[in-house]
Protein backbone atom coordinates (compact mmCIF):
# COMPACT_ATOMS: atom_id res chain seq x y z
CA MET A 1 8.69 -26.78 -67.77
CA SER A 2 9.36 -29.88 -65.51
CA ILE A 3 7.85 -30.40 -62.08
CA PHE A 4 11.19 -30.84 -60.70
CA GLU A 5 12.83 -27.77 -62.08
CA ASN A 6 13.42 -24.66 -59.75
CA LYS A 7 13.25 -26.70 -56.79
CA LYS A 8 15.77 -27.69 -53.54
CA TYR A 9 16.82 -30.94 -52.60
CA ILE A 10 18.10 -33.09 -49.82
CA LEU A 11 19.05 -36.52 -51.30
CA ILE A 12 19.76 -39.50 -49.05
CA GLY A 13 21.50 -42.58 -50.94
CA ASP A 14 21.95 -45.86 -49.76
CA ARG A 15 25.66 -47.50 -50.04
CA ASP A 16 24.47 -51.01 -51.19
CA GLY A 17 22.10 -49.18 -53.76
CA VAL A 18 22.45 -45.67 -55.32
CA PRO A 19 24.93 -43.63 -53.70
CA GLY A 20 24.01 -39.71 -52.85
CA GLU A 21 26.77 -38.69 -55.14
CA SER A 22 25.09 -40.17 -58.16
CA LEU A 23 21.80 -38.91 -57.25
CA LYS A 24 23.59 -35.41 -57.08
CA GLU A 25 24.97 -35.76 -60.55
CA VAL A 26 21.47 -36.46 -61.59
CA VAL A 27 19.42 -34.02 -60.27
CA ASN A 28 22.18 -31.14 -61.44
CA THR A 29 21.30 -31.83 -64.58
CA ILE A 30 17.79 -29.99 -63.63
CA PRO A 31 17.60 -26.63 -64.55
CA GLY A 32 17.35 -24.33 -61.84
CA SER A 33 17.57 -27.32 -59.29
CA GLU A 34 19.92 -26.74 -55.79
CA VAL A 35 21.17 -29.81 -54.09
CA VAL A 36 21.48 -28.56 -50.09
CA PHE A 37 22.42 -31.81 -48.82
CA ALA A 38 23.50 -35.26 -50.45
CA ALA A 39 24.67 -38.16 -48.46
CA THR A 40 25.04 -41.85 -48.44
CA GLU A 41 23.98 -43.87 -45.59
CA CYS A 42 24.18 -47.60 -44.41
CA PHE A 43 20.69 -48.75 -43.81
CA VAL A 44 20.49 -51.92 -41.86
């Protein structure tokens, strides 16, 4: 059992880095995880 299993996630990606949708795809591979919000923002 991992510390990341069975948790809810809020993911904020970066436009010039890792987008939120890419983070969401990775988190969806964790058993029992749920993405409640995923977005890609532009930090200036």
